[in-house]
């Protein structure tokens, strides 16, 4: 397990391990609650453990102050065909409220930017809810660019199932 010093007293960032699964799920729930979406969380310890640690679908790092978890980031790598290079996509970043405005979130983003740069990623991206004004202002303060010319699309639920079924039926014909 690699532990990374941040330059902030007692604050480190480390790769998560299976033993962190319960804490990761709690941070996911805390973030969803903060954003007003707790009712939508379906992630369980079993799902996170399998997806992250067995299947490698995402990476997680833990933010710790004096060895105590105070936040996390969950991310994965994607690929830009136009650039011909990978990118790092940040799905979730969370710092507990009592530790905000002390530079911990910024250091976590700097760590991920370093990780992206060291893997030759062209970009480092994430979404921010329009209603999350404090986070939006924080990201703008880092010179992050809001992608106003792009629309996010999603297919899930019954639509995803139906499209998959349509493909399977097409293979038979």
N, C-alpha and C. Protein backbone atom coordinates (compact mmCIF):
# COMPACT_ATOMS: atom_id res chain seq x y z
N UNK A 1 0.84 -1.19 0.00
CA UNK A 1 0.00 0.00 0.00
C UNK A 1 0.88 1.24 0.00
N UNK A 2 0.63 2.11 -0.96
CA UNK A 2 1.44 3.32 -1.01
C UNK A 2 0.74 4.47 -0.28
N UNK A 3 1.52 5.15 0.54
CA UNK A 3 1.04 6.30 1.29
C UNK A 3 1.79 7.51 0.76
N UNK A 4 1.05 8.57 0.45
CA UNK A 4 1.65 9.77 -0.15
C UNK A 4 1.54 10.94 0.82
N UNK A 5 2.66 11.53 1.12
CA UNK A 5 2.69 12.74 1.93
C UNK A 5 2.15 13.89 1.08
N UNK A 6 1.51 14.86 1.73
CA UNK A 6 0.87 15.95 0.98
C UNK A 6 1.50 17.31 1.24
N UNK A 7 2.33 17.41 2.24
CA UNK A 7 2.87 18.70 2.62
C UNK A 7 2.02 19.39 3.68
N UNK A 8 0.85 18.87 3.98
CA UNK A 8 0.01 19.39 5.06
C UNK A 8 0.21 18.49 6.28
N UNK A 9 0.45 19.09 7.41
CA UNK A 9 0.79 18.34 8.62
C UNK A 9 -0.23 17.24 8.93
N UNK A 10 0.28 16.00 8.98
CA UNK A 10 -0.54 14.86 9.35
C UNK A 10 -1.47 14.35 8.27
N UNK A 11 -1.51 15.02 7.12
CA UNK A 11 -2.45 14.68 6.06
C UNK A 11 -1.78 13.83 5.00
N UNK A 12 -2.30 12.63 4.79
CA UNK A 12 -1.76 11.72 3.78
C UNK A 12 -2.89 11.21 2.88
N UNK A 13 -2.47 10.71 1.73
CA UNK A 13 -3.39 10.09 0.78
C UNK A 13 -2.83 8.71 0.48
N UNK A 14 -3.69 7.70 0.56
CA UNK A 14 -3.22 6.34 0.31
C UNK A 14 -4.22 5.58 -0.53
N UNK A 15 -3.73 4.55 -1.20
CA UNK A 15 -4.60 3.65 -1.95
C UNK A 15 -5.50 2.92 -0.96
N UNK A 16 -6.76 2.81 -1.32
CA UNK A 16 -7.70 2.08 -0.47
C UNK A 16 -7.45 0.58 -0.59
N UNK A 17 -7.89 -0.15 0.41
CA UNK A 17 -7.82 -1.61 0.39
C UNK A 17 -9.17 -2.17 0.84
N UNK A 18 -9.31 -3.47 0.76
CA UNK A 18 -10.59 -4.12 1.11
C UNK A 18 -11.10 -3.72 2.49
N UNK A 19 -10.20 -3.54 3.42
CA UNK A 19 -10.60 -3.19 4.77
C UNK A 19 -11.26 -1.81 4.84
N UNK A 20 -11.10 -1.01 3.79
CA UNK A 20 -11.71 0.33 3.74
C UNK A 20 -13.12 0.31 3.19
N UNK A 21 -13.61 -0.83 2.75
CA UNK A 21 -14.88 -0.89 2.04
C UNK A 21 -16.03 -0.26 2.83
N UNK A 22 -16.15 -0.59 4.09
CA UNK A 22 -17.23 -0.02 4.91
C UNK A 22 -17.13 1.50 4.96
N UNK A 23 -15.92 2.02 5.12
CA UNK A 23 -15.72 3.47 5.18
C UNK A 23 -16.03 4.11 3.83
N UNK A 24 -15.65 3.46 2.74
CA UNK A 24 -15.93 3.99 1.41
C UNK A 24 -17.44 4.11 1.21
N UNK A 25 -18.18 3.08 1.56
CA UNK A 25 -19.64 3.13 1.42
C UNK A 25 -20.22 4.23 2.29
N UNK A 26 -19.69 4.41 3.49
CA UNK A 26 -20.18 5.49 4.35
C UNK A 26 -19.91 6.86 3.72
N UNK A 27 -18.72 7.05 3.15
CA UNK A 27 -18.42 8.31 2.48
C UNK A 27 -19.34 8.53 1.27
N UNK A 28 -19.63 7.47 0.53
CA UNK A 28 -20.57 7.57 -0.60
C UNK A 28 -21.93 8.03 -0.10
N UNK A 29 -22.38 7.45 0.97
CA UNK A 29 -23.68 7.82 1.56
C UNK A 29 -23.64 9.27 2.08
N UNK A 30 -22.54 9.65 2.72
CA UNK A 30 -22.41 11.02 3.22
C UNK A 30 -22.45 12.03 2.07
N UNK A 31 -21.74 11.71 0.99
CA UNK A 31 -21.74 12.60 -0.17
C UNK A 31 -23.14 12.69 -0.77
N UNK A 32 -23.80 11.56 -0.93
CA UNK A 32 -25.16 11.56 -1.49
C UNK A 32 -26.11 12.35 -0.61
N UNK A 33 -25.96 12.23 0.70
CA UNK A 33 -26.79 12.99 1.63
C UNK A 33 -26.53 14.48 1.47
N UNK A 34 -25.27 14.87 1.38
CA UNK A 34 -24.88 16.27 1.19
C UNK A 34 -25.51 16.84 -0.08
N UNK A 35 -25.56 16.02 -1.14
CA UNK A 35 -26.08 16.48 -2.43
C UNK A 35 -27.60 16.29 -2.55
N UNK A 36 -28.23 15.71 -1.52
CA UNK A 36 -29.67 15.52 -1.55
C UNK A 36 -30.12 14.29 -2.32
N UNK A 37 -29.24 13.30 -2.47
CA UNK A 37 -29.56 12.11 -3.24
C UNK A 37 -29.37 10.81 -2.46
N UNK A 38 -29.42 10.88 -1.14
CA UNK A 38 -29.21 9.69 -0.34
C UNK A 38 -30.20 8.58 -0.72
N UNK A 39 -31.41 8.96 -1.06
CA UNK A 39 -32.43 7.98 -1.43
C UNK A 39 -32.08 7.20 -2.70
N UNK A 40 -31.11 7.67 -3.48
CA UNK A 40 -30.73 7.00 -4.71
C UNK A 40 -29.55 6.04 -4.56
N UNK A 41 -28.92 6.02 -3.41
CA UNK A 41 -27.74 5.17 -3.21
C UNK A 41 -28.15 3.70 -3.12
N UNK A 42 -27.59 2.92 -4.03
CA UNK A 42 -27.82 1.47 -4.04
C UNK A 42 -26.54 0.71 -3.72
N UNK A 43 -25.43 1.41 -3.67
CA UNK A 43 -24.14 0.77 -3.40
C UNK A 43 -24.15 0.15 -2.01
N UNK A 44 -23.64 -1.07 -1.94
CA UNK A 44 -23.47 -1.78 -0.67
C UNK A 44 -22.00 -2.12 -0.52
N UNK A 45 -21.64 -2.60 0.63
CA UNK A 45 -20.25 -3.03 0.84
C UNK A 45 -19.90 -4.14 -0.14
N UNK A 46 -20.82 -5.06 -0.36
CA UNK A 46 -20.56 -6.18 -1.28
C UNK A 46 -20.33 -5.67 -2.70
N UNK A 47 -21.17 -4.75 -3.14
CA UNK A 47 -21.06 -4.21 -4.51
C UNK A 47 -19.74 -3.46 -4.67
N UNK A 48 -19.41 -2.61 -3.72
CA UNK A 48 -18.17 -1.83 -3.80
C UNK A 48 -16.95 -2.74 -3.75
N UNK A 49 -16.96 -3.70 -2.84
CA UNK A 49 -15.81 -4.61 -2.74
C UNK A 49 -15.61 -5.37 -4.04
N UNK A 50 -16.68 -5.89 -4.61
CA UNK A 50 -16.55 -6.64 -5.86
C UNK A 50 -16.12 -5.73 -7.01
N UNK A 51 -16.77 -4.58 -7.15
CA UNK A 51 -16.49 -3.69 -8.27
C UNK A 51 -15.09 -3.10 -8.22
N UNK A 52 -14.68 -2.66 -7.05
CA UNK A 52 -13.39 -1.98 -6.91
C UNK A 52 -12.24 -2.97 -6.74
N UNK A 53 -12.38 -3.90 -5.80
CA UNK A 53 -11.23 -4.73 -5.45
C UNK A 53 -11.15 -6.05 -6.20
N UNK A 54 -12.28 -6.57 -6.68
CA UNK A 54 -12.24 -7.81 -7.47
C UNK A 54 -12.18 -7.54 -8.97
N UNK A 55 -13.03 -6.63 -9.44
CA UNK A 55 -13.12 -6.38 -10.88
C UNK A 55 -12.23 -5.24 -11.36
N UNK A 56 -11.76 -4.39 -10.44
CA UNK A 56 -10.92 -3.25 -10.83
C UNK A 56 -11.66 -2.22 -11.67
N UNK A 57 -12.97 -2.08 -11.46
CA UNK A 57 -13.77 -1.14 -12.24
C UNK A 57 -13.46 0.32 -11.90
N UNK A 58 -12.90 0.55 -10.73
CA UNK A 58 -12.57 1.91 -10.29
C UNK A 58 -11.41 1.82 -9.31
N UNK A 59 -10.82 2.97 -9.06
CA UNK A 59 -9.75 3.11 -8.08
C UNK A 59 -10.24 4.02 -6.97
N UNK A 60 -9.78 3.77 -5.75
CA UNK A 60 -10.17 4.60 -4.62
C UNK A 60 -8.92 4.97 -3.83
N UNK A 61 -8.84 6.23 -3.44
CA UNK A 61 -7.80 6.67 -2.52
C UNK A 61 -8.48 7.27 -1.29
N UNK A 62 -7.84 7.06 -0.16
CA UNK A 62 -8.36 7.55 1.11
C UNK A 62 -7.54 8.77 1.54
N UNK A 63 -8.24 9.79 1.98
CA UNK A 63 -7.61 10.97 2.55
C UNK A 63 -7.63 10.79 4.06
N UNK A 64 -6.46 10.88 4.69
CA UNK A 64 -6.38 10.64 6.13
C UNK A 64 -5.65 11.77 6.84
N UNK A 65 -6.14 12.08 8.01
CA UNK A 65 -5.49 13.05 8.88
C UNK A 65 -5.07 12.31 10.13
N UNK A 66 -3.77 12.26 10.36
CA UNK A 66 -3.21 11.52 11.50
C UNK A 66 -3.73 10.08 11.54
N UNK A 67 -3.84 9.46 10.36
CA UNK A 67 -4.26 8.07 10.25
C UNK A 67 -5.76 7.85 10.28
N UNK A 68 -6.55 8.91 10.43
CA UNK A 68 -8.01 8.79 10.49
C UNK A 68 -8.59 9.20 9.13
N UNK A 69 -9.43 8.34 8.51
CA UNK A 69 -10.04 8.70 7.23
C UNK A 69 -10.96 9.92 7.37
N UNK A 70 -10.72 10.92 6.52
CA UNK A 70 -11.58 12.12 6.53
C UNK A 70 -12.21 12.36 5.16
N UNK A 71 -11.87 11.52 4.19
CA UNK A 71 -12.45 11.68 2.87
C UNK A 71 -11.91 10.64 1.92
N UNK A 72 -12.37 10.72 0.68
CA UNK A 72 -11.94 9.75 -0.34
C UNK A 72 -12.15 10.34 -1.73
N UNK A 73 -11.56 9.66 -2.70
CA UNK A 73 -11.83 9.95 -4.10
C UNK A 73 -11.94 8.62 -4.82
N UNK A 74 -12.94 8.50 -5.68
CA UNK A 74 -13.13 7.32 -6.50
C UNK A 74 -13.01 7.76 -7.95
N UNK A 75 -12.14 7.09 -8.71
CA UNK A 75 -11.86 7.51 -10.08
C UNK A 75 -11.56 6.31 -10.95
N UNK A 76 -11.54 6.55 -12.26
CA UNK A 76 -11.16 5.51 -13.21
C UNK A 76 -10.56 6.18 -14.44
N UNK A 77 -9.96 5.38 -15.26
CA UNK A 77 -9.33 5.89 -16.48
C UNK A 77 -10.26 5.65 -17.67
N UNK A 78 -10.33 6.64 -18.55
CA UNK A 78 -11.07 6.51 -19.79
C UNK A 78 -10.09 6.77 -20.93
N UNK A 79 -10.59 7.01 -22.14
CA UNK A 79 -9.69 7.20 -23.27
C UNK A 79 -10.29 8.20 -24.25
N UNK A 80 -9.49 9.16 -24.68
CA UNK A 80 -9.90 10.13 -25.69
C UNK A 80 -9.39 9.68 -27.06
N UNK A 81 -10.32 9.34 -27.93
CA UNK A 81 -9.92 8.93 -29.28
C UNK A 81 -9.34 10.10 -30.05
N UNK A 82 -9.85 11.31 -29.84
CA UNK A 82 -9.31 12.47 -30.55
C UNK A 82 -7.86 12.73 -30.16
N UNK A 83 -7.56 12.58 -28.89
CA UNK A 83 -6.20 12.82 -28.40
C UNK A 83 -5.32 11.58 -28.54
N UNK A 84 -5.96 10.42 -28.57
CA UNK A 84 -5.19 9.18 -28.61
C UNK A 84 -4.48 8.90 -27.31
N UNK A 85 -5.05 9.42 -26.23
CA UNK A 85 -4.43 9.29 -24.90
C UNK A 85 -5.50 9.05 -23.84
N UNK A 86 -5.10 8.47 -22.73
CA UNK A 86 -6.06 8.24 -21.65
C UNK A 86 -6.42 9.53 -20.93
N UNK A 87 -7.47 9.43 -20.14
CA UNK A 87 -7.89 10.51 -19.26
C UNK A 87 -8.23 9.93 -17.91
N UNK A 88 -8.27 10.76 -16.91
CA UNK A 88 -8.68 10.34 -15.58
C UNK A 88 -10.03 10.97 -15.31
N UNK A 89 -11.00 10.15 -14.94
CA UNK A 89 -12.34 10.64 -14.62
C UNK A 89 -12.60 10.44 -13.13
N UNK A 90 -12.89 11.53 -12.46
CA UNK A 90 -13.19 11.53 -11.03
C UNK A 90 -14.70 11.37 -10.86
N UNK A 91 -15.12 10.26 -10.31
CA UNK A 91 -16.55 10.02 -10.07
C UNK A 91 -17.01 10.71 -8.79
N UNK A 92 -16.26 10.55 -7.72
CA UNK A 92 -16.63 11.16 -6.44
C UNK A 92 -15.41 11.63 -5.69
N UNK A 93 -15.56 12.78 -5.06
CA UNK A 93 -14.57 13.31 -4.13
C UNK A 93 -15.35 13.81 -2.94
N UNK A 94 -14.93 13.43 -1.75
CA UNK A 94 -15.64 13.83 -0.55
C UNK A 94 -14.66 14.06 0.59
N UNK A 95 -14.83 15.19 1.25
CA UNK A 95 -14.11 15.50 2.49
C UNK A 95 -15.19 15.80 3.54
N UNK A 96 -15.08 15.19 4.70
CA UNK A 96 -16.07 15.43 5.75
C UNK A 96 -16.17 16.93 6.05
N UNK A 97 -17.39 17.41 6.31
CA UNK A 97 -17.62 18.85 6.49
C UNK A 97 -16.70 19.54 7.48
N UNK A 98 -16.40 18.87 8.60
CA UNK A 98 -15.57 19.52 9.62
C UNK A 98 -14.11 19.69 9.19
N UNK A 99 -13.73 19.09 8.06
CA UNK A 99 -12.36 19.20 7.57
C UNK A 99 -12.26 20.02 6.29
N UNK A 100 -13.35 20.61 5.87
CA UNK A 100 -13.34 21.41 4.64
C UNK A 100 -12.71 22.78 4.90
N UNK A 101 -12.31 23.41 3.80
CA UNK A 101 -11.70 24.74 3.83
C UNK A 101 -10.36 24.76 4.55
N UNK A 102 -9.65 23.65 4.53
CA UNK A 102 -8.32 23.56 5.14
C UNK A 102 -7.27 23.12 4.12
N UNK A 103 -7.69 22.96 2.86
CA UNK A 103 -6.76 22.57 1.81
C UNK A 103 -6.72 21.09 1.51
N UNK A 104 -7.50 20.28 2.24
CA UNK A 104 -7.45 18.83 2.05
C UNK A 104 -8.05 18.41 0.70
N UNK A 105 -9.16 19.01 0.33
CA UNK A 105 -9.76 18.70 -0.96
C UNK A 105 -8.87 19.13 -2.11
N UNK A 106 -8.26 20.30 -1.98
CA UNK A 106 -7.36 20.77 -3.03
C UNK A 106 -6.17 19.82 -3.18
N UNK A 107 -5.61 19.39 -2.07
CA UNK A 107 -4.48 18.45 -2.14
C UNK A 107 -4.90 17.12 -2.77
N UNK A 108 -6.11 16.69 -2.50
CA UNK A 108 -6.61 15.46 -3.10
C UNK A 108 -6.74 15.62 -4.61
N UNK A 109 -7.23 16.76 -5.06
CA UNK A 109 -7.29 17.03 -6.50
C UNK A 109 -5.90 17.15 -7.11
N UNK A 110 -4.97 17.79 -6.41
CA UNK A 110 -3.60 17.89 -6.90
C UNK A 110 -2.98 16.49 -7.04
N UNK A 111 -3.26 15.62 -6.07
CA UNK A 111 -2.76 14.25 -6.13
C UNK A 111 -3.29 13.55 -7.38
N UNK A 112 -4.58 13.70 -7.64
CA UNK A 112 -5.18 13.06 -8.82
C UNK A 112 -4.65 13.68 -10.11
N UNK A 113 -4.42 14.98 -10.12
CA UNK A 113 -3.82 15.62 -11.30
C UNK A 113 -2.42 15.05 -11.54
N UNK A 114 -1.67 14.86 -10.47
CA UNK A 114 -0.33 14.27 -10.58
C UNK A 114 -0.42 12.84 -11.11
N UNK A 115 -1.37 12.08 -10.61
CA UNK A 115 -1.58 10.71 -11.06
C UNK A 115 -1.91 10.71 -12.55
N UNK A 116 -2.79 11.61 -12.98
CA UNK A 116 -3.17 11.71 -14.39
C UNK A 116 -1.96 12.08 -15.24
N UNK A 117 -1.21 13.06 -14.81
CA UNK A 117 -0.04 13.50 -15.57
C UNK A 117 1.00 12.39 -15.68
N UNK A 118 1.22 11.67 -14.58
CA UNK A 118 2.24 10.62 -14.59
C UNK A 118 1.83 9.43 -15.46
N UNK A 119 0.53 9.29 -15.73
CA UNK A 119 0.04 8.22 -16.63
C UNK A 119 -0.17 8.73 -18.05
N UNK A 120 0.35 9.92 -18.34
CA UNK A 120 0.25 10.52 -19.67
C UNK A 120 -1.19 10.79 -20.08
N UNK A 121 -2.05 11.10 -19.11
CA UNK A 121 -3.43 11.44 -19.41
C UNK A 121 -3.50 12.84 -20.01
N UNK A 122 -4.35 13.00 -20.97
CA UNK A 122 -4.55 14.30 -21.60
C UNK A 122 -5.42 15.20 -20.73
N UNK A 123 -6.35 14.57 -20.01
CA UNK A 123 -7.28 15.38 -19.23
C UNK A 123 -7.67 14.70 -17.93
N UNK A 124 -8.21 15.52 -17.06
CA UNK A 124 -8.71 15.12 -15.75
C UNK A 124 -10.08 15.76 -15.64
N UNK A 125 -11.13 14.95 -15.59
CA UNK A 125 -12.49 15.49 -15.67
C UNK A 125 -13.37 14.96 -14.54
N UNK A 126 -14.45 15.71 -14.28
CA UNK A 126 -15.47 15.30 -13.33
C UNK A 126 -16.71 16.12 -13.59
N UNK A 127 -17.81 15.70 -13.00
CA UNK A 127 -19.06 16.45 -13.04
C UNK A 127 -19.28 17.13 -11.71
N UNK A 128 -20.02 18.22 -11.74
CA UNK A 128 -20.42 18.90 -10.52
C UNK A 128 -21.88 19.30 -10.70
N UNK A 129 -22.70 18.99 -9.71
CA UNK A 129 -24.10 19.40 -9.77
C UNK A 129 -24.20 20.91 -9.85
N UNK A 130 -25.10 21.38 -10.69
CA UNK A 130 -25.31 22.83 -10.81
C UNK A 130 -25.75 23.44 -9.48
N UNK A 131 -26.42 22.66 -8.66
CA UNK A 131 -26.91 23.16 -7.37
C UNK A 131 -25.85 23.15 -6.28
N UNK A 132 -24.70 22.57 -6.55
CA UNK A 132 -23.63 22.49 -5.54
C UNK A 132 -22.72 23.71 -5.69
N UNK A 133 -23.23 24.85 -5.32
CA UNK A 133 -22.51 26.12 -5.48
C UNK A 133 -21.15 26.14 -4.80
N UNK A 134 -21.02 25.67 -3.55
CA UNK A 134 -19.68 25.71 -2.92
C UNK A 134 -18.63 24.93 -3.72
N UNK A 135 -19.00 23.73 -4.18
CA UNK A 135 -18.04 22.94 -4.95
C UNK A 135 -17.75 23.59 -6.29
N UNK A 136 -18.79 24.09 -6.96
CA UNK A 136 -18.61 24.75 -8.25
C UNK A 136 -17.62 25.91 -8.10
N UNK A 137 -17.79 26.74 -7.10
CA UNK A 137 -16.90 27.87 -6.89
C UNK A 137 -15.48 27.40 -6.56
N UNK A 138 -15.38 26.34 -5.78
CA UNK A 138 -14.08 25.76 -5.44
C UNK A 138 -13.36 25.32 -6.71
N UNK A 139 -14.05 24.59 -7.58
CA UNK A 139 -13.44 24.10 -8.83
C UNK A 139 -13.07 25.25 -9.75
N UNK A 140 -13.91 26.26 -9.84
CA UNK A 140 -13.59 27.42 -10.68
C UNK A 140 -12.35 28.13 -10.14
N UNK A 141 -12.18 28.14 -8.82
CA UNK A 141 -11.00 28.74 -8.20
C UNK A 141 -9.71 28.00 -8.52
N UNK A 142 -9.85 26.76 -8.97
CA UNK A 142 -8.69 25.97 -9.37
C UNK A 142 -8.40 26.11 -10.87
N UNK A 143 -9.13 26.99 -11.53
CA UNK A 143 -9.06 27.17 -12.98
C UNK A 143 -9.59 25.98 -13.76
N UNK A 144 -10.47 25.18 -13.12
CA UNK A 144 -11.14 24.10 -13.84
C UNK A 144 -12.13 24.74 -14.81
N UNK A 145 -12.26 24.14 -15.97
CA UNK A 145 -13.12 24.67 -17.02
C UNK A 145 -14.46 23.95 -17.01
N UNK A 146 -15.56 24.72 -16.92
CA UNK A 146 -16.86 24.07 -17.04
C UNK A 146 -17.16 23.88 -18.53
N UNK A 147 -17.63 22.70 -18.85
CA UNK A 147 -17.81 22.29 -20.24
C UNK A 147 -19.23 22.64 -20.70
N UNK A 148 -19.48 23.91 -20.94
CA UNK A 148 -20.82 24.38 -21.26
C UNK A 148 -21.30 23.93 -22.64
N UNK A 149 -20.42 23.53 -23.52
CA UNK A 149 -20.82 23.11 -24.86
C UNK A 149 -21.15 21.62 -24.96
N UNK A 150 -21.13 20.92 -23.84
CA UNK A 150 -21.35 19.48 -23.84
C UNK A 150 -22.59 19.14 -23.02
N UNK A 151 -23.33 18.15 -23.47
CA UNK A 151 -24.49 17.64 -22.75
C UNK A 151 -24.19 16.21 -22.34
N UNK A 152 -24.47 15.89 -21.11
CA UNK A 152 -24.27 14.54 -20.61
C UNK A 152 -25.51 13.72 -20.95
N UNK A 153 -25.30 12.56 -21.53
CA UNK A 153 -26.39 11.63 -21.82
C UNK A 153 -26.23 10.39 -20.96
N UNK A 154 -27.35 9.73 -20.68
CA UNK A 154 -27.31 8.52 -19.87
C UNK A 154 -28.37 7.56 -20.36
N UNK A 155 -28.01 6.30 -20.38
CA UNK A 155 -28.97 5.23 -20.61
C UNK A 155 -28.84 4.30 -19.41
N UNK A 156 -29.96 4.07 -18.72
CA UNK A 156 -29.94 3.16 -17.58
C UNK A 156 -31.31 2.52 -17.40
N UNK A 157 -31.45 1.72 -16.37
CA UNK A 157 -32.73 1.10 -16.05
C UNK A 157 -33.30 0.29 -17.18
N UNK A 158 -34.60 0.44 -17.40
CA UNK A 158 -35.29 -0.33 -18.44
C UNK A 158 -34.74 -0.06 -19.83
N UNK A 159 -34.33 1.17 -20.10
CA UNK A 159 -33.78 1.49 -21.42
C UNK A 159 -32.51 0.69 -21.68
N UNK A 160 -31.64 0.59 -20.70
CA UNK A 160 -30.42 -0.20 -20.83
C UNK A 160 -30.75 -1.67 -21.05
N UNK A 161 -31.68 -2.18 -20.27
CA UNK A 161 -32.08 -3.58 -20.40
C UNK A 161 -32.68 -3.83 -21.78
N UNK A 162 -33.56 -2.93 -22.23
CA UNK A 162 -34.20 -3.11 -23.54
C UNK A 162 -33.20 -3.03 -24.68
N UNK A 163 -32.25 -2.13 -24.59
CA UNK A 163 -31.23 -2.03 -25.65
C UNK A 163 -30.38 -3.29 -25.69
N UNK A 164 -30.03 -3.81 -24.54
CA UNK A 164 -29.26 -5.04 -24.47
C UNK A 164 -30.06 -6.20 -25.07
N UNK A 165 -31.33 -6.25 -24.71
CA UNK A 165 -32.21 -7.30 -25.23
C UNK A 165 -32.34 -7.19 -26.75
N UNK A 166 -32.46 -5.95 -27.25
CA UNK A 166 -32.56 -5.74 -28.70
C UNK A 166 -31.32 -6.27 -29.41
N UNK A 167 -30.14 -6.05 -28.81
CA UNK A 167 -28.91 -6.54 -29.41
C UNK A 167 -28.91 -8.07 -29.43
N UNK A 168 -29.28 -8.66 -28.31
CA UNK A 168 -29.31 -10.14 -28.23
C UNK A 168 -30.27 -10.70 -29.27
N UNK A 169 -31.43 -10.09 -29.42
CA UNK A 169 -32.40 -10.58 -30.40
C UNK A 169 -31.88 -10.41 -31.83
N UNK A 170 -31.16 -9.33 -32.06
CA UNK A 170 -30.57 -9.09 -33.38
C UNK A 170 -29.51 -10.13 -33.73
N UNK A 171 -28.84 -10.65 -32.72
CA UNK A 171 -27.82 -11.68 -32.97
C UNK A 171 -28.46 -12.99 -33.42
N UNK A 172 -29.68 -13.23 -32.97
CA UNK A 172 -30.37 -14.47 -33.32
C UNK A 172 -30.90 -14.44 -34.74
N UNK A 173 -31.22 -13.23 -35.23
CA UNK A 173 -31.88 -13.12 -36.53
C UNK A 173 -30.91 -13.04 -37.62
